[in-house]
Amino acid sequence: MPRSRRSMPLPWMQVLLYGLFLAAGTIALQWIDYLRIVRTQSTDLILFGVAAAFLALGLFVGARVLRPAKPRPFDGNPQAQASLGISARERTVLEALAAGRSNKEIARDLAVSPNTVKTHVARLFEKLGVNRRTEAIARARELGLLP
């Protein structure tokens, strides 16, 4: 007597059932192992948790405390500029000198003649008490006129 196809369970259905039973058994064994570890190693687990919490707290506080301070915006030391009597145009020329520009380049940028730039440079030398461009730049940095 031949069996009908419907009465016989499909092979993939049996595989699925066996797989579910094996998974349930594995989970049960893992749970038992977990409970054993928790009972025997509870002190170690608590110490690990406390140590991890202090590590996280230390990293957080260290990042806050040791963070570099935000740099103050450069203001150009207006007190020194006023005490030396450096005008805004002379300040612009001084910044151009620090950038390494020649008199002709400065004159072109400011739309003035090169002789005017030479006059500004000479007055800057006089006010800063120097004789060369490099000395003027170094002195201006000492006074906080340049970054």
C-alpha atoms as a PDB file:
ATOM      1  CA  MET A   1       0.000   0.000   0.000  1.00  0.00           C
ATOM      2  CA  PRO A   2       1.617   3.263  -1.126  1.00  0.00           C
ATOM      3  CA  ARG A   3       1.774   6.144   1.277  1.00  0.00           C
ATOM      4  CA  SER A   4       0.490   9.502   0.270  1.00  0.00           C
ATOM      5  CA  ARG A   5       2.887  12.352   0.201  1.00  0.00           C
ATOM      6  CA  ARG A   6       0.836  14.406   2.606  1.00  0.00           C
ATOM      7  CA  SER A   7       0.887  11.963   5.498  1.00  0.00           C
ATOM      8  CA  MET A   8       4.696  11.826   5.544  1.00  0.00           C
ATOM      9  CA  PRO A   9       6.426  14.833   7.152  1.00  0.00           C
ATOM     10  CA  LEU A  10       8.752  16.691   4.866  1.00  0.00           C
ATOM     11  CA  PRO A  11      12.475  16.194   5.517  1.00  0.00           C
ATOM     12  CA  TRP A  12      13.108  19.930   5.959  1.00  0.00           C
ATOM     13  CA  MET A  13      10.441  20.013   8.646  1.00  0.00           C
ATOM     14  CA  GLN A  14      12.266  17.288  10.579  1.00  0.00           C
ATOM     15  CA  VAL A  15      15.568  19.152  10.185  1.00  0.00           C
ATOM     16  CA  LEU A  16      13.946  22.323  11.466  1.00  0.00           C
ATOM     17  CA  LEU A  17      12.515  20.542  14.501  1.00  0.00           C
ATOM     18  CA  TYR A  18      15.830  18.870  15.321  1.00  0.00           C
ATOM     19  CA  GLY A  19      17.568  22.237  14.925  1.00  0.00           C
ATOM     20  CA  LEU A  20      15.121  23.894  17.330  1.00  0.00           C
ATOM     21  CA  PHE A  21      15.584  21.143  19.928  1.00  0.00           C
ATOM     22  CA  LEU A  22      19.378  21.410  19.636  1.00  0.00           C
ATOM     23  CA  ALA A  23      19.250  25.201  19.954  1.00  0.00           C
ATOM     24  CA  ALA A  24      17.017  24.960  23.039  1.00  0.00           C
ATOM     25  CA  GLY A  25      19.402  22.431  24.607  1.00  0.00           C
ATOM     26  CA  THR A  26      22.407  24.629  23.851  1.00  0.00           C
ATOM     27  CA  ILE A  27      20.717  27.668  25.355  1.00  0.00           C
ATOM     28  CA  ALA A  28      19.806  25.674  28.474  1.00  0.00           C
ATOM     29  CA  LEU A  29      23.395  24.453  28.897  1.00  0.00           C
ATOM     30  CA  GLN A  30      24.780  27.958  28.346  1.00  0.00           C
ATOM     31  CA  TRP A  31      22.334  29.348  30.899  1.00  0.00           C
ATOM     32  CA  ILE A  32      23.418  26.753  33.457  1.00  0.00           C
ATOM     33  CA  ASP A  33      27.070  27.607  32.775  1.00  0.00           C
ATOM     34  CA  TYR A  34      26.292  31.318  33.128  1.00  0.00           C
ATOM     35  CA  LEU A  35      24.588  30.731  36.476  1.00  0.00           C
ATOM     36  CA  ARG A  36      27.589  28.716  37.697  1.00  0.00           C
ATOM     37  CA  ILE A  37      30.001  31.485  36.699  1.00  0.00           C
ATOM     38  CA  VAL A  38      27.831  34.106  38.367  1.00  0.00           C
ATOM     39  CA  ARG A  39      27.703  32.112  41.604  1.00  0.00           C
ATOM     40  CA  THR A  40      31.399  31.263  41.741  1.00  0.00           C
ATOM     41  CA  GLN A  41      32.842  34.444  40.268  1.00  0.00           C
ATOM     42  CA  SER A  42      30.383  37.073  41.524  1.00  0.00           C
ATOM     43  CA  THR A  43      33.048  39.018  43.422  1.00  0.00           C
ATOM     44  CA  ASP A  44      35.257  39.176  40.354  1.00  0.00           C
ATOM     45  CA  LEU A  45      32.346  40.292  38.179  1.00  0.00           C
ATOM     46  CA  ILE A  46      31.419  43.042  40.648  1.00  0.00           C
ATOM     47  CA  LEU A  47      35.050  44.211  40.835  1.00  0.00           C
ATOM     48  CA  PHE A  48      35.232  44.226  37.055  1.00  0.00           C
ATOM     49  CA  GLY A  49      32.078  46.338  36.866  1.00  0.00           C
ATOM     50  CA  VAL A  50      33.389  48.817  39.450  1.00  0.00           C
ATOM     51  CA  ALA A  51      36.775  49.020  37.697  1.00  0.00           C
ATOM     52  CA  ALA A  52      35.088  49.610  34.334  1.00  0.00           C
ATOM     53  CA  ALA A  53      32.933  52.367  35.857  1.00  0.00           C
ATOM     54  CA  PHE A  54      35.989  54.083  37.388  1.00  0.00           C
ATOM     55  CA  LEU A  55      37.858  53.766  34.103  1.00  0.00           C
ATOM     56  CA  ALA A  56      35.009  55.430  32.239  1.00  0.00           C
ATOM     57  CA  LEU A  57      34.748  58.139  34.899  1.00  0.00           C
ATOM     58  CA  GLY A  58      38.521  58.736  34.803  1.00  0.00           C
ATOM     59  CA  LEU A  59      38.541  59.044  31.026  1.00  0.00           C
ATOM     60  CA  PHE A  60      35.619  61.459  31.131  1.00  0.00           C
ATOM     61  CA  VAL A  61      37.100  63.658  33.859  1.00  0.00           C
ATOM     62  CA  GLY A  62      40.586  63.516  32.310  1.00  0.00           C
ATOM     63  CA  ALA A  63      39.239  64.614  28.953  1.00  0.00           C
ATOM     64  CA  ARG A  64      37.460  67.548  30.608  1.00  0.00           C
ATOM     65  CA  VAL A  65      40.318  68.647  32.849  1.00  0.00           C
ATOM     66  CA  LEU A  66      43.209  68.149  30.446  1.00  0.00           C
ATOM     67  CA  ARG A  67      41.464  69.615  27.430  1.00  0.00           C
ATOM     68  CA  PRO A  68      43.586  72.389  25.932  1.00  0.00           C
ATOM     69  CA  ALA A  69      42.220  75.830  26.623  1.00  0.00           C
ATOM     70  CA  LYS A  70      40.591  77.602  23.732  1.00  0.00           C
ATOM     71  CA  PRO A  71      43.013  80.120  22.299  1.00  0.00           C
ATOM     72  CA  ARG A  72      42.013  83.696  22.826  1.00  0.00           C
ATOM     73  CA  PRO A  73      41.320  85.581  19.645  1.00  0.00           C
ATOM     74  CA  PHE A  74      44.276  87.716  18.627  1.00  0.00           C
ATOM     75  CA  ASP A  75      43.541  91.368  19.372  1.00  0.00           C
ATOM     76  CA  GLY A  76      46.865  92.931  18.360  1.00  0.00           C
ATOM     77  CA  ASN A  77      47.554  94.495  21.789  1.00  0.00           C
ATOM     78  CA  PRO A  78      45.720  97.805  21.324  1.00  0.00           C
ATOM     79  CA  GLN A  79      47.439  99.300  24.410  1.00  0.00           C
ATOM     80  CA  ALA A  80      50.918  98.853  22.920  1.00  0.00           C
ATOM     81  CA  GLN A  81      49.681 100.090  19.551  1.00  0.00           C
ATOM     82  CA  ALA A  82      48.233 103.233  21.173  1.00  0.00           C
ATOM     83  CA  SER A  83      51.278 103.857  23.376  1.00  0.00           C
ATOM     84  CA  LEU A  84      53.624 103.644  20.380  1.00  0.00           C
ATOM     85  CA  GLY A  85      51.297 105.776  18.250  1.00  0.00           C
ATOM     86  CA  ILE A  86      51.012 103.241  15.441  1.00  0.00           C
ATOM     87  CA  SER A  87      48.210 104.170  13.065  1.00  0.00           C
ATOM     88  CA  ALA A  88      45.841 101.702  11.424  1.00  0.00           C
ATOM     89  CA  ARG A  89      47.628 102.125   8.065  1.00  0.00           C
ATOM     90  CA  GLU A  90      51.017 101.528   9.675  1.00  0.00           C
ATOM     91  CA  ARG A  91      49.573  98.448  11.316  1.00  0.00           C
ATOM     92  CA  THR A  92      48.440  97.185   7.896  1.00  0.00           C
ATOM     93  CA  VAL A  93      51.940  97.827   6.507  1.00  0.00           C
ATOM     94  CA  LEU A  94      53.469  96.001   9.483  1.00  0.00           C
ATOM     95  CA  GLU A  95      51.263  92.969   8.830  1.00  0.00           C
ATOM     96  CA  ALA A  96      52.270  93.028   5.162  1.00  0.00           C
ATOM     97  CA  LEU A  97      55.940  93.199   6.190  1.00  0.00           C
ATOM     98  CA  ALA A  98      55.407  90.154   8.403  1.00  0.00           C
ATOM     99  CA  ALA A  99      53.845  88.353   5.430  1.00  0.00           C
ATOM    100  CA  GLY A 100      57.098  88.962   3.502  1.00  0.00           C
ATOM    101  CA  ARG A 101      55.769  91.417   0.934  1.00  0.00           C
ATOM    102  CA  SER A 102      57.974  93.927  -0.830  1.00  0.00           C
ATOM    103  CA  ASN A 103      57.317  97.679  -0.848  1.00  0.00           C
ATOM    104  CA  LYS A 104      55.904  97.484  -4.377  1.00  0.00           C
ATOM    105  CA  GLU A 105      53.513  94.658  -3.446  1.00  0.00           C
ATOM    106  CA  ILE A 106      52.336  96.533  -0.376  1.00  0.00           C
ATOM    107  CA  ALA A 107      51.845  99.702  -2.420  1.00  0.00           C
ATOM    108  CA  ARG A 108      49.804  97.824  -5.013  1.00  0.00           C
ATOM    109  CA  ASP A 109      47.639  96.161  -2.334  1.00  0.00           C
ATOM    110  CA  LEU A 110      46.988  99.460  -0.522  1.00  0.00           C
ATOM    111  CA  ALA A 111      46.648 101.529  -3.715  1.00  0.00           C
ATOM    112  CA  VAL A 112      49.382 103.979  -2.679  1.00  0.00           C
ATOM    113  CA  SER A 113      52.777 104.849  -4.110  1.00  0.00           C
ATOM    114  CA  PRO A 114      55.889 102.905  -3.091  1.00  0.00           C
ATOM    115  CA  ASN A 115      57.274 106.114  -1.559  1.00  0.00           C
ATOM    116  CA  THR A 116      54.280 106.237   0.808  1.00  0.00           C
ATOM    117  CA  VAL A 117      55.007 102.674   1.852  1.00  0.00           C
ATOM    118  CA  LYS A 118      58.649 103.615   2.439  1.00  0.00           C
ATOM    119  CA  THR A 119      57.481 106.479   4.668  1.00  0.00           C
ATOM    120  CA  HIS A 120      55.229 104.144   6.657  1.00  0.00           C
ATOM    121  CA  VAL A 121      58.065 101.630   7.040  1.00  0.00           C
ATOM    122  CA  ALA A 122      60.487 104.358   8.173  1.00  0.00           C
ATOM    123  CA  ARG A 123      57.968 105.590  10.777  1.00  0.00           C
ATOM    124  CA  LEU A 124      57.425 102.023  11.981  1.00  0.00           C
ATOM    125  CA  PHE A 125      61.185 101.571  12.365  1.00  0.00           C
ATOM    126  CA  GLU A 126      61.337 104.790  14.351  1.00  0.00           C
ATOM    127  CA  LYS A 127      58.376 103.921  16.607  1.00  0.00           C
ATOM    128  CA  LEU A 128      59.607 100.382  17.236  1.00  0.00           C
ATOM    129  CA  GLY A 129      63.234 101.461  17.676  1.00  0.00           C
ATOM    130  CA  VAL A 130      64.679  99.153  15.033  1.00  0.00           C
ATOM    131  CA  ASN A 131      66.720  99.420  11.812  1.00  0.00           C
ATOM    132  CA  ARG A 132      65.634  96.386   9.745  1.00  0.00           C
ATOM    133  CA  ARG A 133      62.427  94.686   8.658  1.00  0.00           C
ATOM    134  CA  THR A 134      63.261  91.475  10.505  1.00  0.00           C
ATOM    135  CA  GLU A 135      63.943  93.439  13.687  1.00  0.00           C
ATOM    136  CA  ALA A 136      60.632  95.286  13.252  1.00  0.00           C
ATOM    137  CA  ILE A 137      58.732  92.012  12.892  1.00  0.00           C
ATOM    138  CA  ALA A 138      60.503  90.473  15.906  1.00  0.00           C
ATOM    139  CA  ARG A 139      59.852  93.567  18.036  1.00  0.00           C
ATOM    140  CA  ALA A 140      56.196  93.687  16.967  1.00  0.00           C
ATOM    141  CA  ARG A 141      55.807  90.035  17.991  1.00  0.00           C
ATOM    142  CA  GLU A 142      57.449  90.754  21.347  1.00  0.00           C
ATOM    143  CA  LEU A 143      54.941  93.566  21.928  1.00  0.00           C
ATOM    144  CA  GLY A 144      52.021  91.402  20.819  1.00  0.00           C
ATOM    145  CA  LEU A 145      51.261  93.513  17.758  1.00  0.00           C
ATOM    146  CA  LEU A 146      51.629  90.483  15.484  1.00  0.00           C
ATOM    147  CA  PRO A 147      50.623  86.857  16.084  1.00  0.00           C
END
